Amino acid sequence: MTALVALANVGLAVGRSELFRDLSLSVQAREWSGIRGANGSGKTSLLRLVAGLLDPDAGDVLVD
């Protein structure tokens, strides 16, 4: 089964704040995933990466 969304070693910094680094995950068809975290931890930025609205500083974002 091919991943609908795959992130490989993704890194993102906003200003001086590193939101995440070396983040890898994949979401398959008919699979659910949730995103949790404190305010300012990068949840919206992660979704913007998946939507193609932001480019990662490192790694690859693949959306089928």
PDB file of N, CA and C in Angstrom:
ATOM      1  N   MET A   1       0.841  -1.181   0.000  1.00  0.00           N
ATOM      2  CA  MET A   1       0.000   0.000   0.000  1.00  0.00           C
ATOM      3  C   MET A   1       0.887   1.246   0.000  1.00  0.00           C
ATOM      4  N   THR A   2       0.580   2.215  -0.813  1.00  0.00           N
ATOM      5  CA  THR A   2       1.354   3.440  -0.934  1.00  0.00           C
ATOM      6  C   THR A   2       0.844   4.481   0.056  1.00  0.00           C
ATOM      7  N   ALA A   3       1.755   5.231   0.632  1.00  0.00           N
ATOM      8  CA  ALA A   3       1.385   6.282   1.580  1.00  0.00           C
ATOM      9  C   ALA A   3       0.712   7.435   0.847  1.00  0.00           C
ATOM     10  N   LEU A   4      -0.353   7.962   1.447  1.00  0.00           N
ATOM     11  CA  LEU A   4      -0.997   9.160   0.911  1.00  0.00           C
ATOM     12  C   LEU A   4      -0.185  10.392   1.258  1.00  0.00           C
ATOM     13  N   VAL A   5       0.395  10.378   2.453  1.00  0.00           N
ATOM     14  CA  VAL A   5       1.253  11.468   2.921  1.00  0.00           C
ATOM     15  C   VAL A   5       2.485  10.834   3.552  1.00  0.00           C
ATOM     16  N   ALA A   6       3.645  11.311   3.169  1.00  0.00           N
ATOM     17  CA  ALA A   6       4.885  10.818   3.761  1.00  0.00           C
ATOM     18  C   ALA A   6       5.830  11.987   4.000  1.00  0.00           C
ATOM     19  N   LEU A   7       6.392  12.024   5.184  1.00  0.00           N
ATOM     20  CA  LEU A   7       7.403  13.010   5.531  1.00  0.00           C
ATOM     21  C   LEU A   7       8.664  12.248   5.888  1.00  0.00           C
ATOM     22  N   ALA A   8       9.790  12.665   5.343  1.00  0.00           N
ATOM     23  CA  ALA A   8      11.057  11.985   5.586  1.00  0.00           C
ATOM     24  C   ALA A   8      12.097  12.983   6.064  1.00  0.00           C
ATOM     25  N   ASN A   9      12.488  12.848   7.321  1.00  0.00           N
ATOM     26  CA  ASN A   9      13.542  13.684   7.920  1.00  0.00           C
ATOM     27  C   ASN A   9      13.281  15.168   7.743  1.00  0.00           C
ATOM     28  N   VAL A  10      12.038  15.586   7.946  1.00  0.00           N
ATOM     29  CA  VAL A  10      11.634  16.978   7.730  1.00  0.00           C
ATOM     30  C   VAL A  10      12.070  17.850   8.904  1.00  0.00           C
ATOM     31  N   GLY A  11      12.565  19.019   8.577  1.00  0.00           N
ATOM     32  CA  GLY A  11      12.931  20.015   9.566  1.00  0.00           C
ATOM     33  C   GLY A  11      12.329  21.355   9.190  1.00  0.00           C
ATOM     34  N   LEU A  12      11.923  22.112  10.209  1.00  0.00           N
ATOM     35  CA  LEU A  12      11.361  23.436   9.955  1.00  0.00           C
ATOM     36  C   LEU A  12      11.679  24.362  11.117  1.00  0.00           C
ATOM     37  N   ALA A  13      12.183  25.525  10.789  1.00  0.00           N
ATOM     38  CA  ALA A  13      12.430  26.572  11.772  1.00  0.00           C
ATOM     39  C   ALA A  13      11.683  27.815  11.322  1.00  0.00           C
ATOM     40  N   VAL A  14      11.143  28.531  12.279  1.00  0.00           N
ATOM     41  CA  VAL A  14      10.477  29.802  12.013  1.00  0.00           C
ATOM     42  C   VAL A  14      11.208  30.846  12.850  1.00  0.00           C
ATOM     43  N   GLY A  15      11.855  31.768  12.158  1.00  0.00           N
ATOM     44  CA  GLY A  15      12.692  32.723  12.871  1.00  0.00           C
ATOM     45  C   GLY A  15      13.825  31.981  13.558  1.00  0.00           C
ATOM     46  N   ARG A  16      13.993  32.198  14.849  1.00  0.00           N
ATOM     47  CA  ARG A  16      15.039  31.514  15.611  1.00  0.00           C
ATOM     48  C   ARG A  16      14.536  30.238  16.268  1.00  0.00           C
ATOM     49  N   SER A  17      13.257  29.948  16.115  1.00  0.00           N
ATOM     50  CA  SER A  17      12.667  28.778  16.765  1.00  0.00           C
ATOM     51  C   SER A  17      12.648  27.572  15.832  1.00  0.00           C
ATOM     52  N   GLU A  18      13.296  26.496  16.253  1.00  0.00           N
ATOM     53  CA  GLU A  18      13.229  25.240  15.500  1.00  0.00           C
ATOM     54  C   GLU A  18      11.974  24.511  15.966  1.00  0.00           C
ATOM     55  N   LEU A  19      11.019  24.349  15.050  1.00  0.00           N
ATOM     56  CA  LEU A  19       9.763  23.705  15.415  1.00  0.00           C
ATOM     57  C   LEU A  19       9.917  22.198  15.483  1.00  0.00           C
ATOM     58  N   PHE A  20      10.616  21.622  14.493  1.00  0.00           N
ATOM     59  CA  PHE A  20      10.914  20.200  14.525  1.00  0.00           C
ATOM     60  C   PHE A  20      12.062  19.899  13.585  1.00  0.00           C
ATOM     61  N   ARG A  21      12.723  18.755  13.834  1.00  0.00           N
ATOM     62  CA  ARG A  21      13.801  18.292  12.958  1.00  0.00           C
ATOM     63  C   ARG A  21      13.756  16.777  12.887  1.00  0.00           C
ATOM     64  N   ASP A  22      14.184  16.249  11.776  1.00  0.00           N
ATOM     65  CA  ASP A  22      14.209  14.797  11.549  1.00  0.00           C
ATOM     66  C   ASP A  22      12.852  14.151  11.799  1.00  0.00           C
ATOM     67  N   LEU A  23      11.775  14.838  11.422  1.00  0.00           N
ATOM     68  CA  LEU A  23      10.420  14.306  11.579  1.00  0.00           C
ATOM     69  C   LEU A  23      10.090  13.408  10.402  1.00  0.00           C
ATOM     70  N   SER A  24       9.714  12.168  10.681  1.00  0.00           N
ATOM     71  CA  SER A  24       9.326  11.221   9.639  1.00  0.00           C
ATOM     72  C   SER A  24       8.011  10.580  10.039  1.00  0.00           C
ATOM     73  N   LEU A  25       7.111  10.450   9.079  1.00  0.00           N
ATOM     74  CA  LEU A  25       5.852   9.758   9.307  1.00  0.00           C
ATOM     75  C   LEU A  25       5.225   9.443   7.969  1.00  0.00           C
ATOM     76  N   SER A  26       4.294   8.496   7.979  1.00  0.00           N
ATOM     77  CA  SER A  26       3.521   8.217   6.773  1.00  0.00           C
ATOM     78  C   SER A  26       2.101   7.885   7.184  1.00  0.00           C
ATOM     79  N   VAL A  27       1.164   8.301   6.350  1.00  0.00           N
ATOM     80  CA  VAL A  27      -0.253   8.029   6.566  1.00  0.00           C
ATOM     81  C   VAL A  27      -0.757   7.285   5.337  1.00  0.00           C
ATOM     82  N   GLN A  28      -1.277   6.105   5.557  1.00  0.00           N
ATOM     83  CA  GLN A  28      -1.773   5.247   4.488  1.00  0.00           C
ATOM     84  C   GLN A  28      -3.248   5.542   4.204  1.00  0.00           C
ATOM     85  N   ALA A  29      -3.737   5.031   3.093  1.00  0.00           N
ATOM     86  CA  ALA A  29      -5.159   5.139   2.764  1.00  0.00           C
ATOM     87  C   ALA A  29      -5.982   4.470   3.871  1.00  0.00           C
ATOM     88  N   ARG A  30      -7.095   5.059   4.200  1.00  0.00           N
ATOM     89  CA  ARG A  30      -8.025   4.580   5.228  1.00  0.00           C
ATOM     90  C   ARG A  30      -7.415   4.540   6.618  1.00  0.00           C
ATOM     91  N   GLU A  31      -6.377   5.321   6.849  1.00  0.00           N
ATOM     92  CA  GLU A  31      -5.733   5.390   8.153  1.00  0.00           C
ATOM     93  C   GLU A  31      -5.967   6.775   8.741  1.00  0.00           C
ATOM     94  N   TRP A  32      -6.234   6.845  10.023  1.00  0.00           N
ATOM     95  CA  TRP A  32      -6.447   8.110  10.714  1.00  0.00           C
ATOM     96  C   TRP A  32      -5.201   8.459  11.508  1.00  0.00           C
ATOM     97  N   SER A  33      -4.957   9.753  11.606  1.00  0.00           N
ATOM     98  CA  SER A  33      -3.835  10.238  12.396  1.00  0.00           C
ATOM     99  C   SER A  33      -4.241  11.532  13.065  1.00  0.00           C
ATOM    100  N   GLY A  34      -3.728  11.782  14.241  1.00  0.00           N
ATOM    101  CA  GLY A  34      -4.032  13.013  14.962  1.00  0.00           C
ATOM    102  C   GLY A  34      -2.757  13.786  15.249  1.00  0.00           C
ATOM    103  N   ILE A  35      -2.918  15.077  15.445  1.00  0.00           N
ATOM    104  CA  ILE A  35      -1.785  15.945  15.770  1.00  0.00           C
ATOM    105  C   ILE A  35      -2.131  16.674  17.052  1.00  0.00           C
ATOM    106  N   ARG A  36      -1.294  16.503  18.067  1.00  0.00           N
ATOM    107  CA  ARG A  36      -1.492  17.161  19.351  1.00  0.00           C
ATOM    108  C   ARG A  36      -0.222  17.883  19.757  1.00  0.00           C
ATOM    109  N   GLY A  37      -0.405  18.921  20.524  1.00  0.00           N
ATOM    110  CA  GLY A  37       0.750  19.629  21.056  1.00  0.00           C
ATOM    111  C   GLY A  37       0.340  20.940  21.676  1.00  0.00           C
ATOM    112  N   ALA A  38       1.240  21.493  22.424  1.00  0.00           N
ATOM    113  CA  ALA A  38       1.001  22.778  23.080  1.00  0.00           C
ATOM    114  C   ALA A  38       0.929  23.896  22.046  1.00  0.00           C
ATOM    115  N   ASN A  39       0.387  25.036  22.468  1.00  0.00           N
ATOM    116  CA  ASN A  39       0.362  26.215  21.602  1.00  0.00           C
ATOM    117  C   ASN A  39       1.777  26.550  21.155  1.00  0.00           C
ATOM    118  N   GLY A  40       1.928  26.809  19.854  1.00  0.00           N
ATOM    119  CA  GLY A  40       3.228  27.202  19.326  1.00  0.00           C
ATOM    120  C   GLY A  40       4.189  26.059  19.075  1.00  0.00           C
ATOM    121  N   SER A  41       3.712  24.816  19.155  1.00  0.00           N
ATOM    122  CA  SER A  41       4.614  23.681  18.982  1.00  0.00           C
ATOM    123  C   SER A  41       4.799  23.263  17.528  1.00  0.00           C
ATOM    124  N   GLY A  42       4.028  23.842  16.589  1.00  0.00           N
ATOM    125  CA  GLY A  42       4.241  23.566  15.173  1.00  0.00           C
ATOM    126  C   GLY A  42       3.147  22.766  14.485  1.00  0.00           C
ATOM    127  N   LYS A  43       2.000  22.585  15.124  1.00  0.00           N
ATOM    128  CA  LYS A  43       0.911  21.808  14.513  1.00  0.00           C
ATOM    129  C   LYS A  43       0.420  22.426  13.218  1.00  0.00           C
ATOM    130  N   THR A  44       0.122  23.691  13.229  1.00  0.00           N
ATOM    131  CA  THR A  44      -0.358  24.375  12.026  1.00  0.00           C
ATOM    132  C   THR A  44       0.729  24.428  10.970  1.00  0.00           C
ATOM    133  N   SER A  45       1.961  24.656  11.366  1.00  0.00           N
ATOM    134  CA  SER A  45       3.071  24.673  10.405  1.00  0.00           C
ATOM    135  C   SER A  45       3.239  23.316   9.746  1.00  0.00           C
ATOM    136  N   LEU A  46       3.070  22.237  10.497  1.00  0.00           N
ATOM    137  CA  LEU A  46       3.141  20.898   9.923  1.00  0.00           C
ATOM    138  C   LEU A  46       2.051  20.703   8.873  1.00  0.00           C
ATOM    139  N   LEU A  47       0.838  21.130   9.177  1.00  0.00           N
ATOM    140  CA  LEU A  47      -0.252  21.016   8.209  1.00  0.00           C
ATOM    141  C   LEU A  47      -0.006  21.888   6.981  1.00  0.00           C
ATOM    142  N   ARG A  48       0.594  23.046   7.170  1.00  0.00           N
ATOM    143  CA  ARG A  48       0.942  23.915   6.036  1.00  0.00           C
ATOM    144  C   ARG A  48       2.003  23.266   5.145  1.00  0.00           C
ATOM    145  N   LEU A  49       2.939  22.530   5.747  1.00  0.00           N
ATOM    146  CA  LEU A  49       3.928  21.779   4.957  1.00  0.00           C
ATOM    147  C   LEU A  49       3.235  20.727   4.104  1.00  0.00           C
ATOM    148  N   VAL A  50       2.333  19.965   4.707  1.00  0.00           N
ATOM    149  CA  VAL A  50       1.627  18.910   3.978  1.00  0.00           C
ATOM    150  C   VAL A  50       0.780  19.500   2.857  1.00  0.00           C
ATOM    151  N   ALA A  51       0.178  20.675   3.102  1.00  0.00           N
ATOM    152  CA  ALA A  51      -0.667  21.322   2.093  1.00  0.00           C
ATOM    153  C   ALA A  51       0.152  22.008   0.998  1.00  0.00           C
ATOM    154  N   GLY A  52       1.466  22.102   1.185  1.00  0.00           N
ATOM    155  CA  GLY A  52       2.313  22.741   0.180  1.00  0.00           C
ATOM    156  C   GLY A  52       2.393  24.250   0.323  1.00  0.00           C
ATOM    157  N   LEU A  53       1.919  24.775   1.439  1.00  0.00           N
ATOM    158  CA  LEU A  53       1.964  26.223   1.667  1.00  0.00           C
ATOM    159  C   LEU A  53       3.295  26.681   2.243  1.00  0.00           C
ATOM    160  N   LEU A  54       4.056  25.749   2.805  1.00  0.00           N
ATOM    161  CA  LEU A  54       5.395  26.024   3.309  1.00  0.00           C
ATOM    162  C   LEU A  54       6.342  24.991   2.725  1.00  0.00           C
ATOM    163  N   ASP A  55       7.604  25.371   2.581  1.00  0.00           N
ATOM    164  CA  ASP A  55       8.644  24.439   2.161  1.00  0.00           C
ATOM    165  C   ASP A  55       9.478  24.080   3.380  1.00  0.00           C
ATOM    166  N   PRO A  56       9.821  22.820   3.545  1.00  0.00           N
ATOM    167  CA  PRO A  56      10.657  22.430   4.685  1.00  0.00           C
ATOM    168  C   PRO A  56      12.077  22.950   4.538  1.00  0.00           C
ATOM    169  N   ASP A  57      12.727  23.174   5.672  1.00  0.00           N
ATOM    170  CA  ASP A  57      14.137  23.576   5.660  1.00  0.00           C
ATOM    171  C   ASP A  57      15.020  22.365   5.346  1.00  0.00           C
ATOM    172  N   ALA A  58      14.521  21.176   5.654  1.00  0.00           N
ATOM    173  CA  ALA A  58      15.250  19.933   5.387  1.00  0.00           C
ATOM    174  C   ALA A  58      14.239  18.818   5.144  1.00  0.00           C
ATOM    175  N   GLY A  59      14.652  17.784   4.440  1.00  0.00           N
ATOM    176  CA  GLY A  59      13.813  16.615   4.231  1.00  0.00           C
ATOM    177  C   GLY A  59      12.834  16.761   3.081  1.00  0.00           C
ATOM    178  N   ASP A  60      11.941  15.761   2.990  1.00  0.00           N
ATOM    179  CA  ASP A  60      10.992  15.689   1.881  1.00  0.00           C
ATOM    180  C   ASP A  60       9.575  15.500   2.388  1.00  0.00           C
ATOM    181  N   VAL A  61       8.624  16.174   1.735  1.00  0.00           N
ATOM    182  CA  VAL A  61       7.204  16.006   1.997  1.00  0.00           C
ATOM    183  C   VAL A  61       6.585  15.493   0.704  1.00  0.00           C
ATOM    184  N   LEU A  62       5.983  14.312   0.769  1.00  0.00           N
ATOM    185  CA  LEU A  62       5.377  13.701  -0.412  1.00  0.00           C
ATOM    186  C   LEU A  62       3.891  13.506  -0.159  1.00  0.00           C
ATOM    187  N   VAL A  63       3.061  14.000  -1.078  1.00  0.00           N
ATOM    188  CA  VAL A  63       1.606  13.869  -0.970  1.00  0.00           C
ATOM    189  C   VAL A  63       1.111  13.254  -2.270  1.00  0.00           C
ATOM    190  N   ASP A  64       0.376  12.133  -2.153  1.00  0.00           N
ATOM    191  CA  ASP A  64      -0.144  11.449  -3.337  1.00  0.00           C
ATOM    192  C   ASP A  64      -1.508  11.993  -3.659  1.00  0.00           C
TER     193      ASP A  64
END
